[in-house]
Amino acid sequence: MKTKSLSLAALIMAVLFSMQLMAQKGGQSPKGDNDQFPRKERFLDRLPGITDQQKEEIKKIHLQTMKAQQPLKNEKDELQAKLKTLTTVDQPDTKAVNAVIEKIGSINTEMMKKRVSEKLSIRNLLTEEQRIVFDAQAQKMRNRSFDNDRRPNKKRASKRAQNFPNE
């Protein structure tokens, strides 16, 4: 009995210790990068002959876009929460729901315009050869993102099973 208690205590201590170690590793990307824009950096490093000056200019453009996008993203998140509230009441107001949907759509449009403007500004800094690689990589990333949206997701499937248990 005493041996079982000691074994159980040792197991609990080992689990707690390992959880603390995992928590301390937070803040790093899976690649181990802890840079401000790690994916953007790897993306830029693939461009042939890119200079440090070009990288700095691109980082500035990216940072400006992120700053401009943040208030829009915040507003969109608030509107999505409002939409959830409006659609989960007993008697939803269709006009109010549609108005919120329209507002979310206009924010999405504004955000897309800013992303395209960022891309065009970056392209203007590049040489012809760099533009060709930049466009090819951007297309490859879009395709990968599209594929990820279409792949089965365990979390999404689990949530769907919770919402629709009889399917």
Protein backbone atom coordinates (compact mmCIF):
# COMPACT_ATOMS: atom_id res chain seq x y z
CA MET A 1 0.00 0.00 0.00
CA LYS A 2 2.82 2.37 0.94
CA THR A 3 4.67 1.47 -2.26
CA LYS A 4 1.60 2.27 -4.38
CA SER A 5 1.23 5.65 -2.66
CA LEU A 6 4.88 6.49 -3.24
CA SER A 7 4.66 5.38 -6.87
CA LEU A 8 1.56 7.49 -7.43
CA ALA A 9 3.20 10.51 -5.78
CA ALA A 10 6.32 10.06 -7.95
CA LEU A 11 4.19 9.80 -11.08
CA ILE A 12 2.26 12.96 -10.22
CA MET A 13 5.52 14.83 -9.54
CA ALA A 14 6.96 13.67 -12.87
CA VAL A 15 3.86 14.82 -14.76
CA LEU A 16 3.84 18.21 -13.04
CA PHE A 17 7.56 18.66 -13.70
CA SER A 18 7.18 17.82 -17.39
CA MET A 19 4.20 20.22 -17.69
CA GLN A 20 6.30 23.02 -16.22
CA LEU A 21 9.10 22.31 -18.69
CA MET A 22 6.67 22.46 -21.61
CA ALA A 23 5.24 25.75 -20.34
CA GLN A 24 8.71 27.29 -20.19
CA LYS A 25 9.29 26.58 -23.88
CA GLY A 26 6.37 28.83 -24.89
CA GLY A 27 6.88 31.81 -27.18
CA GLN A 28 8.90 30.01 -29.83
CA SER A 29 7.68 28.90 -33.19
CA PRO A 30 8.01 25.22 -34.12
CA LYS A 31 11.17 26.07 -36.08
CA GLY A 32 12.70 27.59 -32.94
CA ASP A 33 12.61 31.12 -34.34
CA ASN A 34 11.73 33.86 -31.94
CA ASP A 35 11.94 36.69 -34.45
CA GLN A 36 9.21 39.26 -34.99
CA PHE A 37 8.36 38.00 -38.51
CA PRO A 38 9.99 34.55 -38.81
CA ARG A 39 7.92 33.27 -41.74
CA LYS A 40 8.40 36.53 -43.63
CA GLU A 41 12.17 36.25 -43.03
CA ARG A 42 12.36 32.73 -44.44
CA PHE A 43 10.23 33.84 -47.36
CA LEU A 44 12.54 36.77 -48.09
CA ASP A 45 15.69 34.67 -47.78
CA ARG A 46 14.53 32.61 -50.75
CA LEU A 47 14.58 35.64 -53.04
CA PRO A 48 17.71 35.65 -55.22
CA GLY A 49 20.17 38.43 -54.42
CA ILE A 50 17.99 40.18 -51.85
CA THR A 51 19.87 42.92 -50.05
CA ASP A 52 19.69 43.88 -46.40
CA GLN A 53 18.28 47.26 -47.45
CA GLN A 54 15.45 45.56 -49.34
CA LYS A 55 14.74 43.33 -46.33
CA GLU A 56 14.55 46.36 -44.02
CA GLU A 57 12.20 48.21 -46.38
CA ILE A 58 9.99 45.13 -46.68
CA LYS A 59 9.90 44.75 -42.89
CA LYS A 60 8.82 48.40 -42.57
CA ILE A 61 6.04 47.90 -45.12
CA HIS A 62 4.91 44.73 -43.37
CA LEU A 63 4.89 46.43 -39.97
CA GLN A 64 2.86 49.36 -41.33
CA THR A 65 0.33 46.94 -42.78
CA MET A 66 0.09 45.01 -39.52
CA LYS A 67 -0.53 48.25 -37.61
CA ALA A 68 -3.24 49.27 -40.07
CA GLN A 69 -4.85 45.81 -40.00
CA GLN A 70 -5.02 45.46 -36.20
CA PRO A 71 -7.97 47.84 -35.58
CA LEU A 72 -9.84 46.26 -38.48
CA LYS A 73 -9.19 42.77 -37.13
CA ASN A 74 -10.35 43.84 -33.68
CA GLU A 75 -13.54 45.34 -35.08
CA LYS A 76 -14.16 42.22 -37.16
CA ASP A 77 -13.72 40.00 -34.08
CA GLU A 78 -16.21 42.16 -32.17
CA LEU A 79 -18.70 41.99 -35.03
CA GLN A 80 -18.34 38.21 -35.25
CA ALA A 81 -19.12 37.98 -31.53
CA LYS A 82 -22.13 40.26 -32.06
CA LEU A 83 -23.24 38.09 -34.98
CA LYS A 84 -23.06 35.02 -32.79
CA THR A 85 -25.16 36.78 -30.15
CA LEU A 86 -27.71 37.95 -32.72
CA THR A 87 -28.06 34.52 -34.29
CA THR A 88 -28.40 32.54 -31.07
CA VAL A 89 -31.42 34.32 -29.58
CA ASP A 90 -34.89 32.79 -29.78
CA GLN A 91 -36.16 35.32 -32.33
CA PRO A 92 -33.20 36.59 -34.41
CA ASP A 93 -33.58 39.97 -36.10
CA THR A 94 -32.74 39.19 -39.73
CA LYS A 95 -32.14 42.84 -40.63
CA ALA A 96 -29.66 43.28 -37.77
CA VAL A 97 -27.93 39.99 -38.66
CA ASN A 98 -27.61 41.03 -42.30
CA ALA A 99 -26.29 44.47 -41.31
CA VAL A 100 -23.55 42.88 -39.21
CA ILE A 101 -22.71 40.46 -42.04
CA GLU A 102 -22.43 43.41 -44.45
CA LYS A 103 -20.12 45.23 -42.05
CA ILE A 104 -17.91 42.13 -41.66
CA GLY A 105 -17.80 41.88 -45.46
CA SER A 106 -16.72 45.51 -45.83
CA ILE A 107 -13.98 45.01 -43.22
CA ASN A 108 -12.78 41.89 -45.09
CA THR A 109 -12.67 43.97 -48.28
CA GLU A 110 -10.68 46.72 -46.58
CA MET A 111 -8.24 44.20 -45.12
CA MET A 112 -7.75 42.55 -48.50
CA LYS A 113 -7.06 45.93 -50.11
CA LYS A 114 -4.39 46.60 -47.51
CA ARG A 115 -2.78 43.18 -48.07
CA VAL A 116 -2.71 43.69 -51.84
CA SER A 117 -1.30 47.19 -51.39
CA GLU A 118 1.45 45.70 -49.19
CA LYS A 119 2.25 43.09 -51.82
CA LEU A 120 2.43 45.69 -54.60
CA SER A 121 4.67 47.94 -52.49
CA ILE A 122 7.01 45.03 -51.84
CA ARG A 123 7.05 44.07 -55.52
CA ASN A 124 8.11 47.63 -56.40
CA LEU A 125 11.26 47.16 -54.30
CA LEU A 126 12.31 43.98 -56.11
CA THR A 127 14.28 43.33 -59.27
CA GLU A 128 12.60 41.49 -62.15
CA GLU A 129 14.17 38.16 -61.17
CA GLN A 130 13.15 38.64 -57.54
CA ARG A 131 9.58 39.52 -58.60
CA ILE A 132 9.27 36.26 -60.52
CA VAL A 133 10.37 34.22 -57.50
CA PHE A 134 8.26 36.39 -55.15
CA ASP A 135 5.13 35.83 -57.23
CA ALA A 136 5.78 32.10 -57.55
CA GLN A 137 6.32 31.73 -53.79
CA ALA A 138 3.26 33.82 -52.98
CA GLN A 139 1.16 31.60 -55.25
CA LYS A 140 2.60 28.49 -53.64
CA MET A 141 1.74 29.84 -50.17
CA ARG A 142 -1.82 30.69 -51.27
CA ASN A 143 -2.26 27.17 -52.65
CA ARG A 144 -0.94 25.65 -49.43
CA SER A 145 -3.31 27.84 -47.40
CA PHE A 146 -6.20 26.80 -49.65
CA ASP A 147 -5.26 23.13 -49.23
CA ASN A 148 -5.11 23.52 -45.44
CA ASP A 149 -8.63 24.97 -45.45
CA ARG A 150 -9.87 21.88 -47.28
CA ARG A 151 -8.06 19.24 -45.22
CA PRO A 152 -9.96 17.44 -42.51
CA ASN A 153 -9.24 18.99 -39.17
CA LYS A 154 -9.62 16.86 -36.03
CA LYS A 155 -10.65 19.86 -33.98
CA ARG A 156 -13.23 20.95 -36.57
CA ALA A 157 -14.53 17.39 -36.96
CA SER A 158 -14.81 16.99 -33.20
CA LYS A 159 -16.69 20.28 -32.90
CA ARG A 160 -19.01 19.29 -35.72
CA ALA A 161 -19.70 15.96 -33.98
CA GLN A 162 -20.60 17.85 -30.81
CA ASN A 163 -22.96 20.17 -32.68
CA PHE A 164 -24.53 17.45 -34.82
CA PRO A 165 -24.26 14.20 -32.84
CA ASN A 166 -26.68 12.23 -35.04
CA GLU A 167 -24.83 12.68 -38.34
